[in-house]
């Protein structure tokens, strides 16, 4: 199964959104080893710094980027759950109902 990994690389010039591709067994989610190996293939030599926030830091302190943060995974399937962030954004864009008297 293909899994697209969406992530942001924090460079000194700003944040750059990128994507990576992993091939996993059906139902498997990417682990630390798979993610670090994917980044190595993309010439990012990193280590996991924050497991909860999925933040990776460069092994070499002289790199031009300070961290990589995974923003989402896409395996091509919808799980039927509500996307709370999307719902919040749409709710803020829709016109508000007028308040009653």
N, C-alpha and C. Protein backbone atom coordinates (compact mmCIF):
# COMPACT_ATOMS: atom_id res chain seq x y z
N UNK A 1 0.84 -1.17 0.00
CA UNK A 1 0.00 0.00 0.00
C UNK A 1 0.89 1.24 0.00
N UNK A 2 0.52 2.21 -0.80
CA UNK A 2 1.26 3.47 -0.83
C UNK A 2 0.77 4.40 0.27
N UNK A 3 1.70 5.12 0.88
CA UNK A 3 1.36 6.10 1.90
C UNK A 3 2.13 7.38 1.58
N UNK A 4 1.41 8.45 1.32
CA UNK A 4 2.04 9.74 1.06
C UNK A 4 2.20 10.46 2.39
N UNK A 5 3.42 10.89 2.67
CA UNK A 5 3.73 11.59 3.91
C UNK A 5 3.88 13.07 3.59
N UNK A 6 3.03 13.90 4.15
CA UNK A 6 3.11 15.34 3.97
C UNK A 6 3.90 15.91 5.15
N UNK A 7 4.89 16.74 4.84
CA UNK A 7 5.71 17.31 5.91
C UNK A 7 6.21 18.70 5.53
N UNK A 8 6.68 19.43 6.54
CA UNK A 8 7.22 20.78 6.35
C UNK A 8 8.66 20.80 6.83
N UNK A 9 9.51 21.41 6.02
CA UNK A 9 10.92 21.57 6.38
C UNK A 9 11.13 23.03 6.74
N UNK A 10 11.58 23.29 7.96
CA UNK A 10 11.83 24.65 8.42
C UNK A 10 13.25 25.06 8.06
N UNK A 11 13.36 25.85 6.98
CA UNK A 11 14.64 26.41 6.53
C UNK A 11 14.79 27.80 7.13
N UNK A 12 15.98 28.36 7.05
CA UNK A 12 16.20 29.72 7.54
C UNK A 12 15.40 30.73 6.72
N UNK A 13 15.13 30.41 5.45
CA UNK A 13 14.35 31.31 4.59
C UNK A 13 12.86 31.18 4.81
N UNK A 14 12.43 30.11 5.45
CA UNK A 14 11.00 29.89 5.68
C UNK A 14 10.67 28.42 5.63
N UNK A 15 9.38 28.13 5.70
CA UNK A 15 8.89 26.76 5.73
C UNK A 15 8.60 26.30 4.30
N UNK A 16 9.04 25.08 3.98
CA UNK A 16 8.79 24.53 2.66
C UNK A 16 8.00 23.22 2.81
N UNK A 17 6.77 23.17 2.27
CA UNK A 17 5.98 21.93 2.35
C UNK A 17 6.47 20.93 1.29
N UNK A 18 6.64 19.69 1.70
CA UNK A 18 7.08 18.63 0.79
C UNK A 18 6.28 17.36 1.05
N UNK A 19 6.49 16.36 0.18
CA UNK A 19 5.84 15.06 0.33
C UNK A 19 6.85 13.95 0.11
N UNK A 20 6.62 12.85 0.77
CA UNK A 20 7.42 11.65 0.57
C UNK A 20 6.49 10.47 0.36
N UNK A 21 7.05 9.38 -0.15
CA UNK A 21 6.24 8.20 -0.44
C UNK A 21 6.82 6.99 0.26
N UNK A 22 5.95 6.24 0.93
CA UNK A 22 6.33 4.99 1.59
C UNK A 22 5.47 3.86 1.05
N UNK A 23 6.05 2.68 0.95
CA UNK A 23 5.30 1.49 0.59
C UNK A 23 5.20 0.62 1.83
N UNK A 24 3.97 0.40 2.30
CA UNK A 24 3.72 -0.33 3.53
C UNK A 24 2.79 -1.50 3.27
N UNK A 25 2.77 -2.46 4.21
CA UNK A 25 1.79 -3.54 4.15
C UNK A 25 0.41 -2.98 4.43
N UNK A 26 -0.60 -3.65 3.93
CA UNK A 26 -1.99 -3.21 4.13
C UNK A 26 -2.29 -3.05 5.62
N UNK A 27 -2.82 -1.90 6.00
CA UNK A 27 -3.19 -1.62 7.39
C UNK A 27 -2.06 -1.16 8.28
N UNK A 28 -0.84 -1.17 7.76
CA UNK A 28 0.32 -0.75 8.56
C UNK A 28 0.43 0.78 8.54
N UNK A 29 0.88 1.35 9.65
CA UNK A 29 1.14 2.79 9.70
C UNK A 29 2.65 2.99 9.77
N UNK A 30 3.17 4.09 9.24
CA UNK A 30 4.62 4.30 9.25
C UNK A 30 5.17 4.43 10.66
N UNK A 31 6.28 3.78 10.90
CA UNK A 31 6.97 3.88 12.18
C UNK A 31 8.19 4.78 12.06
N UNK A 32 8.89 4.93 13.17
CA UNK A 32 10.07 5.80 13.19
C UNK A 32 11.11 5.37 12.17
N UNK A 33 11.40 4.08 12.09
CA UNK A 33 12.42 3.58 11.17
C UNK A 33 12.04 3.88 9.72
N UNK A 34 10.80 3.62 9.34
CA UNK A 34 10.37 3.88 7.97
C UNK A 34 10.47 5.35 7.62
N UNK A 35 10.10 6.22 8.55
CA UNK A 35 10.15 7.66 8.30
C UNK A 35 11.59 8.15 8.20
N UNK A 36 12.46 7.71 9.12
CA UNK A 36 13.87 8.13 9.08
C UNK A 36 14.51 7.65 7.78
N UNK A 37 14.21 6.41 7.37
CA UNK A 37 14.76 5.87 6.12
C UNK A 37 14.26 6.66 4.91
N UNK A 38 12.98 7.04 4.92
CA UNK A 38 12.42 7.84 3.83
C UNK A 38 13.15 9.18 3.74
N UNK A 39 13.35 9.83 4.89
CA UNK A 39 14.06 11.11 4.89
C UNK A 39 15.50 10.94 4.42
N UNK A 40 16.17 9.84 4.80
CA UNK A 40 17.54 9.60 4.34
C UNK A 40 17.59 9.47 2.82
N UNK A 41 16.60 8.79 2.24
CA UNK A 41 16.52 8.66 0.79
C UNK A 41 16.36 10.02 0.12
N UNK A 42 15.79 10.97 0.86
CA UNK A 42 15.58 12.33 0.34
C UNK A 42 16.72 13.26 0.75
N UNK A 43 17.82 12.70 1.27
CA UNK A 43 19.02 13.45 1.68
C UNK A 43 18.81 14.30 2.92
N UNK A 44 17.87 13.89 3.79
CA UNK A 44 17.68 14.52 5.09
C UNK A 44 18.13 13.51 6.15
N UNK A 45 19.27 13.74 6.77
CA UNK A 45 19.76 12.84 7.82
C UNK A 45 19.22 13.35 9.15
N UNK A 46 18.15 12.70 9.65
CA UNK A 46 17.43 13.20 10.82
C UNK A 46 17.27 12.12 11.88
N UNK A 47 16.86 12.59 13.06
CA UNK A 47 16.49 11.72 14.18
C UNK A 47 15.16 12.23 14.71
N UNK A 48 14.38 11.32 15.28
CA UNK A 48 13.09 11.71 15.86
C UNK A 48 13.34 12.49 17.14
N UNK A 49 12.77 13.70 17.23
CA UNK A 49 12.98 14.57 18.39
C UNK A 49 11.75 14.61 19.29
N UNK A 50 10.56 14.68 18.69
CA UNK A 50 9.32 14.75 19.46
C UNK A 50 8.33 13.75 18.86
N UNK A 51 8.12 12.64 19.56
CA UNK A 51 7.27 11.56 19.05
C UNK A 51 5.80 11.99 18.93
N UNK A 52 5.30 12.78 19.86
CA UNK A 52 3.89 13.19 19.83
C UNK A 52 3.59 14.16 18.70
N UNK A 53 4.49 15.10 18.46
CA UNK A 53 4.28 16.11 17.42
C UNK A 53 4.90 15.72 16.08
N UNK A 54 5.56 14.53 16.03
CA UNK A 54 6.22 14.03 14.83
C UNK A 54 7.21 15.05 14.26
N UNK A 55 8.13 15.49 15.12
CA UNK A 55 9.16 16.45 14.72
C UNK A 55 10.50 15.73 14.67
N UNK A 56 11.20 15.93 13.58
CA UNK A 56 12.52 15.35 13.37
C UNK A 56 13.54 16.48 13.31
N UNK A 57 14.70 16.27 13.90
CA UNK A 57 15.79 17.25 13.91
C UNK A 57 16.97 16.69 13.11
N UNK A 58 17.75 17.56 12.47
CA UNK A 58 18.91 17.08 11.73
C UNK A 58 19.98 16.50 12.66
N UNK A 59 20.64 15.45 12.20
CA UNK A 59 21.74 14.85 12.96
C UNK A 59 22.94 15.78 12.94
N UNK A 60 23.19 16.39 11.79
CA UNK A 60 24.30 17.32 11.63
C UNK A 60 23.83 18.74 11.97
N UNK A 61 24.40 19.37 13.01
CA UNK A 61 23.93 20.71 13.40
C UNK A 61 24.21 21.81 12.36
N UNK A 62 25.02 21.53 11.36
CA UNK A 62 25.34 22.53 10.34
C UNK A 62 24.39 22.56 9.17
N UNK A 63 23.28 21.83 9.24
CA UNK A 63 22.32 21.79 8.14
C UNK A 63 21.63 23.14 7.96
N UNK A 64 21.06 23.34 6.77
CA UNK A 64 20.36 24.60 6.47
C UNK A 64 18.92 24.60 6.97
N UNK A 65 18.47 23.50 7.53
CA UNK A 65 17.11 23.42 8.08
C UNK A 65 17.20 23.10 9.56
N UNK A 66 16.19 23.54 10.31
CA UNK A 66 16.22 23.34 11.76
C UNK A 66 15.38 22.15 12.21
N UNK A 67 14.32 21.83 11.46
CA UNK A 67 13.48 20.69 11.82
C UNK A 67 12.58 20.31 10.66
N UNK A 68 12.05 19.10 10.75
CA UNK A 68 11.04 18.60 9.82
C UNK A 68 9.85 18.16 10.66
N UNK A 69 8.66 18.63 10.26
CA UNK A 69 7.44 18.28 11.00
C UNK A 69 6.46 17.61 10.05
N UNK A 70 6.05 16.41 10.40
CA UNK A 70 5.06 15.69 9.59
C UNK A 70 3.69 16.29 9.87
N UNK A 71 2.98 16.64 8.80
CA UNK A 71 1.67 17.27 8.96
C UNK A 71 0.52 16.29 8.74
N UNK A 72 0.71 15.28 7.86
CA UNK A 72 -0.35 14.30 7.66
C UNK A 72 0.15 13.11 6.86
N UNK A 73 -0.65 12.04 6.92
CA UNK A 73 -0.42 10.84 6.13
C UNK A 73 -1.63 10.64 5.24
N UNK A 74 -1.40 10.18 4.00
CA UNK A 74 -2.49 9.93 3.07
C UNK A 74 -2.28 8.55 2.45
N UNK A 75 -3.15 7.61 2.81
CA UNK A 75 -3.04 6.28 2.22
C UNK A 75 -4.10 6.07 1.14
N UNK A 76 -4.79 7.13 0.75
CA UNK A 76 -5.78 7.05 -0.32
C UNK A 76 -7.14 6.58 0.12
N UNK A 77 -7.29 6.28 1.39
CA UNK A 77 -8.58 5.81 1.90
C UNK A 77 -9.15 6.84 2.85
N UNK A 78 -10.45 7.00 2.81
CA UNK A 78 -11.09 7.87 3.79
C UNK A 78 -11.60 6.98 4.91
N UNK A 79 -11.45 7.44 6.12
CA UNK A 79 -11.87 6.63 7.25
C UNK A 79 -13.27 6.98 7.73
N UNK A 80 -13.92 7.95 7.08
CA UNK A 80 -15.27 8.29 7.44
C UNK A 80 -15.39 9.18 8.67
N UNK A 81 -14.28 9.54 9.28
CA UNK A 81 -14.31 10.39 10.46
C UNK A 81 -14.35 11.85 10.04
N UNK A 82 -14.89 12.68 10.92
CA UNK A 82 -14.93 14.11 10.66
C UNK A 82 -13.53 14.71 10.71
N UNK A 83 -13.26 15.62 9.81
CA UNK A 83 -12.01 16.37 9.85
C UNK A 83 -12.31 17.66 10.60
N UNK A 84 -11.93 17.71 11.87
CA UNK A 84 -12.29 18.85 12.73
C UNK A 84 -11.64 20.14 12.26
N UNK A 85 -10.41 20.07 11.75
CA UNK A 85 -9.75 21.28 11.25
C UNK A 85 -10.49 21.83 10.04
N UNK A 86 -10.86 20.95 9.11
CA UNK A 86 -11.59 21.39 7.93
C UNK A 86 -12.95 21.96 8.33
N UNK A 87 -13.62 21.32 9.26
CA UNK A 87 -14.93 21.80 9.72
C UNK A 87 -14.79 23.19 10.35
N UNK A 88 -13.74 23.41 11.12
CA UNK A 88 -13.51 24.71 11.75
C UNK A 88 -13.25 25.79 10.71
N UNK A 89 -12.43 25.47 9.70
CA UNK A 89 -12.12 26.45 8.65
C UNK A 89 -13.39 26.81 7.89
N UNK A 90 -14.16 25.81 7.50
CA UNK A 90 -15.40 26.06 6.76
C UNK A 90 -16.37 26.85 7.62
N UNK A 91 -16.46 26.51 8.90
CA UNK A 91 -17.35 27.24 9.81
C UNK A 91 -16.99 28.71 9.92
N UNK A 92 -15.70 29.02 9.89
CA UNK A 92 -15.26 30.40 9.97
C UNK A 92 -15.49 31.16 8.67
N UNK A 93 -15.54 30.45 7.55
CA UNK A 93 -15.73 31.11 6.26
C UNK A 93 -17.21 31.37 5.95
N UNK A 94 -18.10 30.53 6.51
CA UNK A 94 -19.52 30.71 6.25
C UNK A 94 -20.05 31.94 6.97
N UNK A 95 -21.02 32.64 6.35
CA UNK A 95 -21.59 33.81 7.03
C UNK A 95 -22.31 33.39 8.31
N UNK A 96 -22.15 34.19 9.33
CA UNK A 96 -22.76 33.90 10.63
C UNK A 96 -24.23 34.30 10.60
N UNK A 97 -25.06 33.53 11.31
CA UNK A 97 -26.48 33.87 11.42
C UNK A 97 -26.63 35.08 12.31
N UNK A 98 -27.55 35.99 11.96
CA UNK A 98 -27.75 37.16 12.84
C UNK A 98 -28.31 36.73 14.19
N UNK A 99 -27.92 37.44 15.23
CA UNK A 99 -28.43 37.17 16.58
C UNK A 99 -29.87 37.63 16.69
N UNK A 100 -30.64 36.92 17.50
CA UNK A 100 -32.04 37.29 17.71
C UNK A 100 -32.17 38.55 18.55
N UNK A 101 -33.38 39.08 18.61
CA UNK A 101 -33.61 40.30 19.39
C UNK A 101 -33.68 40.02 20.82
